[in-house]
N, C-alpha and C. Protein backbone atom coordinates (compact mmCIF):
# COMPACT_ATOMS: atom_id res chain seq x y z
N MET A 1 -37.93 -16.78 30.98
CA MET A 1 -38.38 -16.40 29.81
C MET A 1 -38.37 -17.58 28.72
N ARG A 2 -37.38 -18.39 28.81
CA ARG A 2 -37.14 -19.50 27.78
C ARG A 2 -38.44 -20.45 27.78
N HIS A 3 -38.89 -20.74 28.88
CA HIS A 3 -40.09 -21.64 28.96
C HIS A 3 -41.31 -20.98 28.29
N LEU A 4 -41.51 -19.76 28.43
CA LEU A 4 -42.63 -19.01 27.85
C LEU A 4 -42.48 -18.96 26.32
N ILE A 5 -41.29 -18.73 25.92
CA ILE A 5 -40.89 -18.78 24.44
C ILE A 5 -41.37 -20.04 23.85
N LYS A 6 -40.76 -21.23 24.59
CA LYS A 6 -41.06 -22.61 24.01
C LYS A 6 -42.45 -22.94 24.07
N ALA A 7 -43.12 -22.53 25.03
CA ALA A 7 -44.67 -22.82 25.16
C ALA A 7 -45.45 -22.22 24.12
N TRP A 8 -45.15 -20.76 24.02
CA TRP A 8 -45.86 -20.06 22.88
C TRP A 8 -45.48 -20.54 21.42
N ALA A 9 -44.13 -20.79 21.22
CA ALA A 9 -43.79 -21.30 19.89
C ALA A 9 -44.44 -22.56 19.62
N LYS A 10 -44.63 -23.37 20.55
CA LYS A 10 -45.35 -24.69 20.24
C LYS A 10 -46.76 -24.30 19.92
N ARG A 11 -47.44 -23.57 20.74
CA ARG A 11 -48.85 -23.17 20.42
C ARG A 11 -48.94 -22.56 18.91
N PHE A 12 -48.05 -21.85 18.59
CA PHE A 12 -48.08 -21.10 17.22
C PHE A 12 -47.61 -21.91 16.11
N GLY A 13 -47.11 -23.12 16.36
CA GLY A 13 -46.56 -24.02 15.35
C GLY A 13 -45.27 -23.66 14.77
N ILE A 14 -44.34 -22.98 15.62
CA ILE A 14 -42.98 -22.64 15.26
C ILE A 14 -42.05 -23.12 16.25
N ASP A 15 -42.29 -24.33 16.85
CA ASP A 15 -41.44 -24.92 17.85
C ASP A 15 -40.22 -25.55 17.18
N ASP A 16 -40.12 -25.56 15.88
CA ASP A 16 -38.92 -26.00 15.35
C ASP A 16 -37.91 -24.82 15.01
N TRP A 17 -38.29 -23.66 15.46
CA TRP A 17 -37.45 -22.53 15.46
C TRP A 17 -36.46 -22.44 16.63
N ASP A 18 -35.30 -21.94 16.38
CA ASP A 18 -34.39 -21.60 17.55
C ASP A 18 -34.66 -20.16 17.89
N ILE A 19 -35.19 -19.89 18.94
CA ILE A 19 -35.61 -18.48 19.26
C ILE A 19 -34.86 -18.11 20.60
N ARG A 20 -34.15 -17.04 20.57
CA ARG A 20 -33.43 -16.75 21.84
C ARG A 20 -33.73 -15.19 22.10
N THR A 21 -33.31 -14.73 23.29
CA THR A 21 -33.34 -13.38 23.57
C THR A 21 -32.00 -12.74 23.81
N GLU A 22 -31.86 -11.38 23.51
CA GLU A 22 -30.69 -10.65 23.81
C GLU A 22 -30.92 -9.33 24.40
N LYS A 23 -30.44 -9.07 25.49
CA LYS A 23 -30.56 -7.71 26.22
C LYS A 23 -29.69 -6.82 25.46
N ILE A 24 -30.07 -5.61 25.10
CA ILE A 24 -29.27 -4.74 24.43
C ILE A 24 -29.11 -3.43 25.38
N THR A 25 -28.29 -2.60 25.01
CA THR A 25 -28.08 -1.21 25.71
C THR A 25 -28.55 -0.06 24.91
N PRO A 26 -28.84 0.91 25.56
CA PRO A 26 -29.48 2.12 24.74
C PRO A 26 -28.64 2.55 23.63
N GLY A 27 -27.24 2.44 23.72
CA GLY A 27 -26.41 2.86 22.67
C GLY A 27 -26.45 2.02 21.39
N GLN A 28 -27.03 0.78 21.59
CA GLN A 28 -27.10 -0.16 20.44
C GLN A 28 -28.29 0.06 19.47
N ILE A 29 -29.17 0.92 19.69
CA ILE A 29 -30.28 1.12 18.95
C ILE A 29 -30.81 2.58 18.64
N GLU A 30 -31.39 2.79 17.59
CA GLU A 30 -31.81 4.16 17.38
C GLU A 30 -33.31 4.11 17.76
N TYR A 31 -33.77 4.88 18.63
CA TYR A 31 -35.09 4.81 19.23
C TYR A 31 -36.32 5.50 18.45
N ASN A 32 -36.09 6.42 17.69
CA ASN A 32 -37.03 7.12 16.79
C ASN A 32 -38.21 7.57 17.78
N GLY A 33 -37.86 8.14 18.83
CA GLY A 33 -38.99 8.74 19.71
C GLY A 33 -39.54 7.77 20.63
N GLU A 34 -39.23 6.55 20.74
CA GLU A 34 -39.67 5.52 21.55
C GLU A 34 -38.91 5.59 22.97
N ASP A 35 -39.64 5.11 24.05
CA ASP A 35 -38.86 5.07 25.21
C ASP A 35 -38.13 3.75 25.57
N TYR A 36 -38.57 2.71 24.81
CA TYR A 36 -37.76 1.39 24.97
C TYR A 36 -37.87 0.56 23.64
N PHE A 37 -37.11 -0.47 23.55
CA PHE A 37 -36.99 -1.17 22.44
C PHE A 37 -37.28 -2.64 22.58
N ILE A 38 -38.05 -3.27 21.75
CA ILE A 38 -38.21 -4.83 21.76
C ILE A 38 -38.60 -5.01 20.35
N GLY A 39 -37.64 -5.86 19.79
CA GLY A 39 -37.89 -6.26 18.31
C GLY A 39 -37.32 -7.60 18.11
N VAL A 40 -37.74 -8.09 16.94
CA VAL A 40 -37.26 -9.45 16.61
C VAL A 40 -36.49 -9.50 15.16
N GLU A 41 -35.34 -10.20 15.26
CA GLU A 41 -34.62 -10.40 13.99
C GLU A 41 -34.86 -11.80 13.67
N ARG A 42 -35.41 -12.08 12.28
CA ARG A 42 -35.72 -13.37 11.88
C ARG A 42 -34.99 -13.81 10.81
N ASP A 43 -34.66 -15.13 10.72
CA ASP A 43 -34.02 -15.74 9.56
C ASP A 43 -34.81 -17.03 9.10
N PHE A 44 -35.61 -16.61 8.12
CA PHE A 44 -36.48 -17.78 7.72
C PHE A 44 -35.83 -18.95 7.17
N GLY A 45 -34.62 -18.75 6.64
CA GLY A 45 -33.96 -19.91 5.98
C GLY A 45 -33.31 -20.87 7.13
N SER A 46 -32.71 -20.27 8.07
CA SER A 46 -32.27 -21.12 9.19
C SER A 46 -33.22 -21.36 10.25
N ARG A 47 -34.35 -20.71 10.18
CA ARG A 47 -35.48 -20.84 11.24
C ARG A 47 -34.83 -20.36 12.64
N THR A 48 -34.22 -19.33 12.65
CA THR A 48 -33.74 -18.79 13.99
C THR A 48 -34.21 -17.37 14.05
N ALA A 49 -34.28 -16.96 15.36
CA ALA A 49 -34.82 -15.60 15.77
C ALA A 49 -34.12 -15.19 16.96
N ILE A 50 -33.88 -13.79 17.02
CA ILE A 50 -33.45 -13.21 18.20
C ILE A 50 -34.45 -12.22 18.61
N ILE A 51 -34.92 -12.02 19.82
CA ILE A 51 -35.69 -11.05 20.27
C ILE A 51 -34.72 -10.10 21.06
N TYR A 52 -34.57 -8.98 20.58
CA TYR A 52 -33.76 -7.93 21.25
C TYR A 52 -34.56 -7.15 22.20
N HIS A 53 -34.02 -6.73 23.32
CA HIS A 53 -34.76 -5.90 24.31
C HIS A 53 -34.05 -5.11 25.24
N ASP A 54 -34.45 -3.95 25.54
CA ASP A 54 -33.73 -3.08 26.48
C ASP A 54 -34.35 -3.00 27.81
N ILE A 55 -35.69 -3.56 27.81
CA ILE A 55 -36.44 -3.73 29.18
C ILE A 55 -36.68 -5.09 29.38
N PRO A 56 -37.09 -5.63 30.68
CA PRO A 56 -37.47 -6.92 30.83
C PRO A 56 -38.62 -7.38 29.93
N LEU A 57 -38.71 -8.55 29.40
CA LEU A 57 -39.76 -8.93 28.61
C LEU A 57 -40.92 -9.55 29.48
N CYS A 58 -42.07 -9.25 28.98
CA CYS A 58 -43.27 -9.80 29.64
C CYS A 58 -43.88 -10.93 28.49
N GLU A 59 -44.73 -11.63 29.01
CA GLU A 59 -45.40 -12.64 28.29
C GLU A 59 -46.02 -12.09 26.95
N GLU A 60 -46.70 -10.93 27.06
CA GLU A 60 -47.38 -10.22 25.92
C GLU A 60 -46.32 -9.81 24.98
N SER A 61 -45.33 -9.32 25.36
CA SER A 61 -44.18 -8.89 24.45
C SER A 61 -43.70 -10.10 23.62
N ILE A 62 -43.35 -11.28 24.34
CA ILE A 62 -43.01 -12.51 23.72
C ILE A 62 -44.01 -12.86 22.58
N ILE A 63 -45.31 -12.87 22.95
CA ILE A 63 -46.29 -13.31 22.08
C ILE A 63 -46.32 -12.39 20.89
N HIS A 64 -46.14 -11.06 21.13
CA HIS A 64 -46.07 -10.11 19.97
C HIS A 64 -44.98 -10.39 19.08
N GLU A 65 -43.71 -10.63 19.57
CA GLU A 65 -42.59 -10.95 18.73
C GLU A 65 -42.76 -12.37 18.09
N LEU A 66 -43.39 -13.15 18.62
CA LEU A 66 -43.61 -14.54 17.97
C LEU A 66 -44.54 -14.39 16.74
N LEU A 67 -45.53 -13.50 16.96
CA LEU A 67 -46.44 -13.42 15.90
C LEU A 67 -45.86 -12.64 14.74
N HIS A 68 -44.77 -11.96 14.90
CA HIS A 68 -44.01 -11.51 13.85
C HIS A 68 -43.30 -12.53 12.89
N ILE A 69 -43.10 -13.64 13.52
CA ILE A 69 -42.48 -14.85 12.76
C ILE A 69 -43.60 -15.56 12.11
N VAL A 70 -44.76 -15.68 12.79
CA VAL A 70 -45.89 -16.47 12.15
C VAL A 70 -46.53 -15.65 10.96
N PHE A 71 -46.44 -14.31 11.26
CA PHE A 71 -47.08 -13.37 10.23
C PHE A 71 -46.01 -12.27 9.81
N PRO A 72 -45.09 -12.77 8.98
CA PRO A 72 -43.84 -11.84 8.74
C PRO A 72 -44.19 -10.64 7.95
N GLU A 73 -45.21 -10.45 7.29
CA GLU A 73 -45.52 -9.26 6.51
C GLU A 73 -46.98 -8.73 6.57
N PRO A 74 -47.25 -7.48 6.37
CA PRO A 74 -48.62 -7.02 6.34
C PRO A 74 -49.33 -7.75 5.13
N ASN A 75 -50.63 -7.85 5.24
CA ASN A 75 -51.44 -8.30 4.11
C ASN A 75 -51.25 -7.26 2.99
N PRO A 76 -51.48 -7.52 1.74
CA PRO A 76 -51.31 -6.65 0.66
C PRO A 76 -52.25 -5.44 0.78
N ASP A 77 -53.35 -5.50 1.54
CA ASP A 77 -54.29 -4.45 1.58
C ASP A 77 -54.20 -3.60 2.98
N GLU A 78 -53.02 -3.81 3.64
CA GLU A 78 -52.78 -3.05 4.86
C GLU A 78 -51.57 -2.32 4.98
N THR A 79 -51.48 -1.28 5.69
CA THR A 79 -50.23 -0.50 5.99
C THR A 79 -49.36 -1.14 6.94
N HIS A 80 -48.21 -0.77 7.16
CA HIS A 80 -47.37 -1.39 8.12
C HIS A 80 -47.92 -1.02 9.57
N MET A 81 -48.39 0.25 9.57
CA MET A 81 -49.05 0.70 10.83
C MET A 81 -50.23 -0.12 11.23
N ASP A 82 -51.13 -0.56 10.19
CA ASP A 82 -52.23 -1.45 10.39
C ASP A 82 -51.70 -2.75 10.91
N TYR A 83 -50.70 -3.32 10.33
CA TYR A 83 -50.18 -4.58 10.53
C TYR A 83 -49.70 -4.63 12.01
N GLU A 84 -48.89 -3.64 12.41
CA GLU A 84 -48.35 -3.49 13.77
C GLU A 84 -49.39 -3.44 14.70
N ARG A 85 -50.63 -2.72 14.49
CA ARG A 85 -51.77 -2.63 15.28
C ARG A 85 -52.31 -3.92 15.44
N TRP A 86 -52.41 -4.67 14.40
CA TRP A 86 -53.14 -5.98 14.43
C TRP A 86 -52.30 -6.89 15.29
N ILE A 87 -51.04 -6.96 15.08
CA ILE A 87 -50.15 -7.86 15.83
C ILE A 87 -50.34 -7.53 17.42
N THR A 88 -50.31 -6.16 17.74
CA THR A 88 -50.42 -5.71 19.03
C THR A 88 -51.79 -6.14 19.67
N GLU A 89 -52.92 -5.98 18.89
CA GLU A 89 -54.12 -6.36 19.44
C GLU A 89 -54.26 -7.82 19.56
N ALA A 90 -53.67 -8.57 18.58
CA ALA A 90 -53.76 -10.06 18.70
C ALA A 90 -53.00 -10.60 19.81
N ALA A 91 -51.84 -10.06 20.24
CA ALA A 91 -51.04 -10.42 21.31
C ALA A 91 -51.79 -10.17 22.66
N GLN A 92 -52.42 -8.99 22.62
CA GLN A 92 -53.21 -8.73 23.87
C GLN A 92 -54.27 -9.57 24.08
N ASN A 93 -55.08 -9.84 23.03
CA ASN A 93 -56.09 -10.74 23.19
C ASN A 93 -55.80 -12.24 23.40
N ILE A 94 -54.83 -12.64 22.73
CA ILE A 94 -54.34 -14.20 23.04
C ILE A 94 -53.98 -14.08 24.51
N ASN A 95 -53.24 -13.25 24.86
CA ASN A 95 -52.60 -13.25 26.36
C ASN A 95 -53.64 -13.13 27.23
N LYS A 96 -54.73 -12.35 27.03
CA LYS A 96 -55.80 -12.09 28.06
C LYS A 96 -56.68 -13.34 28.19
N ASN A 97 -57.22 -13.78 27.10
CA ASN A 97 -58.60 -14.62 27.33
C ASN A 97 -58.80 -15.48 26.08
N GLU A 98 -58.10 -15.65 25.16
CA GLU A 98 -58.37 -16.57 23.91
C GLU A 98 -57.47 -17.55 23.72
N SER A 99 -57.80 -18.82 23.52
CA SER A 99 -56.84 -19.84 23.07
C SER A 99 -56.45 -19.67 21.67
N THR A 100 -55.36 -20.14 21.29
CA THR A 100 -54.85 -20.17 19.84
C THR A 100 -55.89 -20.94 18.97
N ALA A 101 -56.31 -22.04 19.44
CA ALA A 101 -57.23 -22.80 18.66
C ALA A 101 -58.49 -22.09 18.19
N THR A 102 -59.00 -21.35 19.19
CA THR A 102 -60.32 -20.56 19.05
C THR A 102 -60.04 -19.54 18.00
N ARG A 103 -58.96 -18.78 18.14
CA ARG A 103 -58.60 -17.66 17.27
C ARG A 103 -58.36 -18.18 15.92
N ARG A 104 -57.80 -19.43 15.73
CA ARG A 104 -57.42 -19.90 14.37
C ARG A 104 -58.74 -20.09 13.58
N LYS A 105 -59.76 -20.53 14.24
CA LYS A 105 -60.96 -20.76 13.60
C LYS A 105 -61.79 -19.42 13.32
N SER A 106 -61.57 -18.44 14.07
CA SER A 106 -62.41 -17.14 14.04
C SER A 106 -61.77 -15.98 13.37
N THR A 107 -60.41 -16.02 13.26
CA THR A 107 -59.72 -14.84 12.70
C THR A 107 -58.91 -15.22 11.41
N LYS A 108 -59.41 -14.74 10.24
CA LYS A 108 -58.73 -15.23 9.00
C LYS A 108 -57.22 -15.03 8.97
N LYS A 109 -56.65 -14.00 9.69
CA LYS A 109 -55.20 -13.86 9.64
C LYS A 109 -54.47 -14.67 10.70
N MET A 110 -55.22 -14.99 11.84
CA MET A 110 -54.63 -15.78 12.86
C MET A 110 -54.35 -17.19 12.53
N LEU A 111 -53.51 -17.81 13.14
CA LEU A 111 -53.16 -19.14 12.91
C LEU A 111 -54.29 -19.97 12.34
C-alpha cells in the first residue's frame, strides 16, 4: 500500500506529506449505518495524515482519501453530500481511465 500512497501523493502534488495507514477494529469507530470504515485524519500544519480503515484498502480508496487532502472542504455552493459524491466520482474516474494531468485541465475543481 505504501508504494500506491507515494505514487498517488506525487501525482497529486502532496508528496511532501507524511501519509500512513492504520488498521482499526470495529470497537474503535461509530459506524452510523455503514458496513465498513475508511477515513482520513489530516493535519495541515504538520502535513501529516493517517488513513484509518477496518477493511483492506484498495487503490480507489487510497485515491479517494488523498483527494480529501487536496480538496479539504466543499466549495461554498455545495453540500457536504455533494462534495463527498464528487470526491467518490473523481476517485473512480481517475483510477479507471484518466490521468491527473488531463483532469487538471478539464475539471475546475480537480488539480
